[in-house]
Structure formats: C-alpha cells, structure tokens
C-alpha cells in the first residue's frame, strides 16, 4: 500500500507495539496529524463478544461531553402538526409520507441522522431496506424513536453518537477533531468507553475489551490501554 510522506513521518512518532495511556495517545494523535484540514479523531474498540448472537449485542447512544465537532443534518419523521416543532428544535427536514416518497423515488439522502416519533414508525418501517444498510434506521435503543422530538433533536445536535458492533465485533466512532486538544478528546473517549463497559452483555466470557485504537483521518493507528482504570 502506498503511503505518503506525511504518513511516514507520523509513524516515526509512534511505537506500534506500545499500549499508550489514553491522554498520551491523544497527544500523539495530534502530533501525528499532518493534514491541512481539521482531521476527525476516531476510536476503534474490538470486543470479546460474538455479534452473531442476540444476547451479545452491544449498542447504544451517548452525548459526548464536547460533541464531535461536526454538525449533523437531522431528518425528523412526525405528524404534520409537529413539523414546526421539529424545525424549531433544530431539525433540518421534517415531515411524513412526503419525505418517505422523496427517499424512495429520488434516492434522497441529504441527511446524517433520522429521528421519528413512535406513531410514525409504521410509515418509516417501509424504508427499512433502504435506511437499514446505511445505519440510518431510527431505533428506541439509540434514542432516535422518541415522543420527545425537541429533546431528541437537541441531543443529536449537541454531539450524540450511536455506537454499535460491526460484523467483526468492532465499534467504530468519531470522538472529536484534532483541534479539540488532547484533554477534550480524552474526556470524550472516557465517556464512550464508560458507556461501552456499561453495555457489556451478561453472556460475555473472558476479556471484554480486546483492543482499542485511535487515529486521525489521515494518521496512523495508536494503541490505547483501555483496561487501565481512569
């Protein structure tokens, strides 16, 4: 794989075998960031579970203390009489059947998060095969199916993220931007790790957090000692 000059320079800063304390790891992420834009910092957590089993799923949502540094576009599915409420709360788009048809007929995806009131799920359910594979289907567990539209939208805009296992039992989440600085990245990391630990399935055996790696958009991976007490 071809690696650019900046990446090769960044790698020299990091001991690829070392497990770094979290705060030190985020300090290194910042030093290794060489791009001309404000890179996103991501966390990749491999868990000792088997996502093929229903009783070993790990999924939830959390509002990061310092947000993600990215403003996400929110689509709200609600009854006509609540459209203005949703827009006033910060939704970028709000509606019902009209938006379902727009997605179905125009392949429209000008949004990052979908939220819905419970009484709309009969309609939104028709989009399962479209929204599901993109990770956009509203769910109560993620707080995106809720009667409290204003609160739900406000949390998303404040930096609420959803964490969930992929098929390889890894959770991938953005936790901020390089410009946040190491301390804010650490505080976002700690909030996410705490949430993942609280979501530990009862059926889990052996070591729960197998590995934890952070990296910026263009930077190398840095291993974190996630099992060290905070």
Protein backbone atom coordinates (compact mmCIF):
# COMPACT_ATOMS: atom_id res chain seq x y z
CA UNK A 1 0.00 0.00 0.00
CA UNK A 2 1.35 3.43 -0.95
CA UNK A 3 1.89 5.77 1.99
CA UNK A 4 2.57 9.48 1.60
CA UNK A 5 5.49 11.40 3.09
CA UNK A 6 3.37 12.88 5.91
CA UNK A 7 2.11 9.47 6.98
CA UNK A 8 5.63 8.04 7.06
CA UNK A 9 6.78 10.99 9.19
CA UNK A 10 3.86 10.46 11.57
CA UNK A 11 4.61 6.75 12.01
CA UNK A 12 8.09 7.61 13.33
CA UNK A 13 6.47 9.27 16.36
CA UNK A 14 4.70 6.09 17.44
CA UNK A 15 5.78 2.77 18.89
CA UNK A 16 3.34 0.43 17.15
CA UNK A 17 3.79 -2.25 19.83
CA UNK A 18 3.22 0.00 22.82
CA UNK A 19 -0.07 0.37 24.71
CA UNK A 20 -0.31 4.07 25.49
CA UNK A 21 -2.15 5.71 28.36
CA UNK A 22 -5.23 7.42 26.83
CA UNK A 23 -4.13 11.03 27.39
CA UNK A 24 -0.69 10.29 25.93
CA UNK A 25 -2.31 8.56 22.96
CA UNK A 26 -4.40 11.63 22.10
CA UNK A 27 -1.38 13.87 22.46
CA UNK A 28 0.35 11.65 19.88
CA UNK A 29 -2.72 11.70 17.59
CA UNK A 30 -2.45 15.49 17.49
CA UNK A 31 1.32 15.47 16.86
CA UNK A 32 0.89 12.88 14.10
CA UNK A 33 -1.82 14.88 12.34
CA UNK A 34 -0.20 16.43 9.27
CA UNK A 35 -3.21 17.16 7.04
CA UNK A 36 -4.17 20.70 6.03
CA UNK A 37 -7.70 20.24 7.38
CA UNK A 38 -9.05 19.62 10.87
CA UNK A 39 -8.95 15.83 10.95
CA UNK A 40 -11.58 13.75 12.71
CA UNK A 41 -10.30 11.57 15.54
CA UNK A 42 -11.82 8.10 15.67
CA UNK A 43 -11.89 5.28 18.18
CA UNK A 44 -11.95 1.60 17.20
CA UNK A 45 -12.78 -0.82 20.01
CA UNK A 46 -12.64 -4.59 19.49
CA UNK A 47 -14.80 -6.50 21.96
CA UNK A 48 -14.68 -10.10 23.19
CA UNK A 49 -18.24 -10.84 22.12
CA UNK A 50 -19.89 -12.54 19.17
CA UNK A 51 -22.26 -10.18 17.36
CA UNK A 52 -23.95 -13.12 15.64
CA UNK A 53 -25.72 -13.87 18.92
CA UNK A 54 -28.65 -11.70 20.00
CA UNK A 55 -27.59 -11.87 23.67
CA UNK A 56 -24.13 -10.48 22.86
CA UNK A 57 -25.12 -7.33 21.00
CA UNK A 58 -23.55 -4.08 22.15
CA UNK A 59 -25.40 -0.98 21.04
CA UNK A 60 -26.41 2.35 22.48
CA UNK A 61 -26.07 6.11 22.20
CA UNK A 62 -24.32 8.79 24.19
CA UNK A 63 -23.95 12.57 24.11
CA UNK A 64 -20.21 13.26 24.10
CA UNK A 65 -19.19 15.97 26.61
CA UNK A 66 -17.59 18.08 23.87
CA UNK A 67 -19.58 16.89 20.85
CA UNK A 68 -17.97 15.55 17.69
CA UNK A 69 -17.02 18.84 16.07
CA UNK A 70 -19.37 18.07 13.20
CA UNK A 71 -22.87 19.46 12.75
CA UNK A 72 -25.10 16.63 11.65
CA UNK A 73 -28.15 17.12 9.44
CA UNK A 74 -31.28 15.75 11.09
CA UNK A 75 -34.36 14.38 9.33
CA UNK A 76 -37.42 14.12 11.60
CA UNK A 77 -40.42 11.97 10.76
CA UNK A 78 -43.51 13.31 12.54
CA UNK A 79 -47.18 14.18 12.05
CA UNK A 80 -47.99 17.40 10.18
CA UNK A 81 -48.95 19.22 13.38
CA UNK A 82 -45.47 18.62 14.83
CA UNK A 83 -43.41 19.62 11.79
CA UNK A 84 -42.88 23.18 13.03
CA UNK A 85 -41.93 21.89 16.49
CA UNK A 86 -39.25 19.70 14.93
CA UNK A 87 -37.89 22.53 12.78
CA UNK A 88 -37.85 24.89 15.76
CA UNK A 89 -35.85 22.29 17.72
CA UNK A 90 -33.17 22.26 15.02
CA UNK A 91 -34.25 19.57 12.55
CA UNK A 92 -33.04 20.27 9.02
CA UNK A 93 -36.01 18.46 7.48
CA UNK A 94 -39.33 17.35 8.96
CA UNK A 95 -42.38 15.64 7.52
CA UNK A 96 -44.07 12.31 6.91
CA UNK A 97 -45.23 10.48 3.81
CA UNK A 98 -43.81 13.20 1.55
CA UNK A 99 -40.27 12.53 2.80
CA UNK A 100 -40.72 8.75 2.61
CA UNK A 101 -41.61 9.11 -1.06
CA UNK A 102 -38.71 11.50 -1.67
CA UNK A 103 -36.27 8.90 -0.32
CA UNK A 104 -37.94 6.06 -2.24
CA UNK A 105 -38.34 7.86 -5.56
CA UNK A 106 -35.39 10.24 -5.67
CA UNK A 107 -32.76 8.25 -3.71
CA UNK A 108 -32.50 11.34 -1.50
CA UNK A 109 -30.03 11.15 1.40
CA UNK A 110 -29.22 14.76 2.24
CA UNK A 111 -29.15 14.00 5.98
CA UNK A 112 -26.94 12.26 8.57
CA UNK A 113 -29.40 11.14 11.27
CA UNK A 114 -33.07 10.10 11.19
CA UNK A 115 -35.35 10.57 14.20
CA UNK A 116 -39.02 9.63 14.40
CA UNK A 117 -41.96 9.77 16.77
CA UNK A 118 -43.37 6.31 17.69
CA UNK A 119 -46.62 6.96 15.80
CA UNK A 120 -44.65 7.35 12.55
CA UNK A 121 -42.78 4.03 12.64
CA UNK A 122 -45.50 2.29 10.62
CA UNK A 123 -44.64 4.59 7.72
CA UNK A 124 -40.88 4.78 8.38
CA UNK A 125 -40.73 0.96 8.55
CA UNK A 126 -41.29 0.87 4.79
CA UNK A 127 -37.81 2.37 4.43
CA UNK A 128 -36.13 -0.42 6.42
CA UNK A 129 -34.36 -1.96 3.43
CA UNK A 130 -33.12 1.47 2.35
CA UNK A 131 -32.18 3.08 5.67
CA UNK A 132 -31.10 -0.10 7.49
CA UNK A 133 -27.95 -0.90 5.48
CA UNK A 134 -26.84 2.73 5.84
CA UNK A 135 -27.25 2.64 9.62
CA UNK A 136 -29.94 5.34 9.43
CA UNK A 137 -32.99 3.42 10.65
CA UNK A 138 -34.42 5.00 13.83
CA UNK A 139 -34.41 2.75 16.91
CA UNK A 140 -35.58 3.24 20.51
CA UNK A 141 -32.21 1.93 21.79
CA UNK A 142 -30.37 4.75 20.06
CA UNK A 143 -32.93 7.29 21.25
CA UNK A 144 -33.98 8.06 17.69
CA UNK A 145 -37.54 6.78 18.18
CA UNK A 146 -38.96 9.10 20.81
CA UNK A 147 -42.13 11.09 21.60
CA UNK A 148 -39.89 13.93 22.85
CA UNK A 149 -38.79 15.34 19.49
CA UNK A 150 -37.25 18.53 20.85
CA UNK A 151 -35.02 16.69 23.33
CA UNK A 152 -34.01 14.04 20.80
CA UNK A 153 -33.06 16.58 18.14
CA UNK A 154 -31.19 18.77 20.65
CA UNK A 155 -29.10 15.80 21.81
CA UNK A 156 -28.16 14.87 18.25
CA UNK A 157 -27.14 18.45 17.50
CA UNK A 158 -25.14 18.55 20.76
CA UNK A 159 -22.98 15.62 19.66
CA UNK A 160 -24.94 12.47 20.40
CA UNK A 161 -23.40 9.45 18.71
CA UNK A 162 -24.56 5.88 18.33
CA UNK A 163 -22.16 3.03 19.00
CA UNK A 164 -22.77 -0.47 17.69
CA UNK A 165 -20.82 -3.58 16.75
CA UNK A 166 -19.94 -4.33 13.17
CA UNK A 167 -19.69 -7.89 11.82
CA UNK A 168 -16.10 -8.20 13.09
CA UNK A 169 -17.12 -7.25 16.68
CA UNK A 170 -15.56 -3.80 16.45
CA UNK A 171 -17.15 -0.47 17.38
CA UNK A 172 -16.05 2.50 15.26
CA UNK A 173 -16.90 6.01 16.50
CA UNK A 174 -15.79 9.59 15.91
CA UNK A 175 -14.84 11.27 19.19
CA UNK A 176 -13.91 14.76 18.03
CA UNK A 177 -11.47 16.78 15.97
CA UNK A 178 -7.71 17.27 16.24
CA UNK A 179 -8.39 20.92 17.13
CA UNK A 180 -10.13 19.81 20.35
CA UNK A 181 -6.80 19.16 22.03
CA UNK A 182 -5.79 16.06 23.99
CA UNK A 183 -7.82 16.79 27.16
CA UNK A 184 -11.21 17.18 25.42
CA UNK A 185 -10.54 14.13 23.24
CA UNK A 186 -9.69 12.18 26.39
CA UNK A 187 -12.92 13.25 28.10
CA UNK A 188 -14.98 12.23 25.05
CA UNK A 189 -13.09 8.92 24.90
CA UNK A 190 -13.73 8.23 28.58
CA UNK A 191 -17.46 8.91 28.21
CA UNK A 192 -17.68 6.49 25.26
CA UNK A 193 -15.61 3.75 26.92
CA UNK A 194 -17.70 4.02 30.09
CA UNK A 195 -20.88 3.64 28.02
CA UNK A 196 -19.48 0.58 26.20
CA UNK A 197 -18.47 -1.03 29.51
CA UNK A 198 -21.96 -0.39 30.96
CA UNK A 199 -23.42 -2.09 27.87
CA UNK A 200 -21.43 -5.30 28.50
CA UNK A 201 -23.73 -8.28 27.79
CA UNK A 202 -24.23 -10.75 30.64
CA UNK A 203 -23.32 -13.59 28.25
CA UNK A 204 -19.79 -12.22 27.70
CA UNK A 205 -16.96 -14.50 28.74
CA UNK A 206 -13.28 -13.67 29.07
CA UNK A 207 -11.75 -10.26 28.37
CA UNK A 208 -14.40 -7.77 27.23
CA UNK A 209 -12.26 -5.02 25.67
CA UNK A 210 -9.76 -6.86 23.48
CA UNK A 211 -8.14 -3.83 21.87
CA UNK A 212 -8.62 -0.10 21.50
CA UNK A 213 -7.03 2.00 18.76
CA UNK A 214 -7.32 5.70 17.97
CA UNK A 215 -6.33 7.55 14.82
CA UNK A 216 -6.97 10.76 12.96
CA UNK A 217 -8.45 10.72 9.44
CA UNK A 218 -5.06 10.56 7.71
CA UNK A 219 -2.88 9.41 10.59
CA UNK A 220 -1.59 6.04 11.83
CA UNK A 221 -3.31 3.95 14.48
CA UNK A 222 -2.23 4.31 18.11
CA UNK A 223 -2.98 1.54 20.61
CA UNK A 224 -4.61 2.57 23.90
CA UNK A 225 -4.52 0.75 27.21
CA UNK A 226 -8.31 0.86 27.65
CA UNK A 227 -8.32 -1.53 30.59
CA UNK A 228 -6.32 0.82 32.80
CA UNK A 229 -8.53 2.47 35.48
CA UNK A 230 -9.37 6.08 34.64
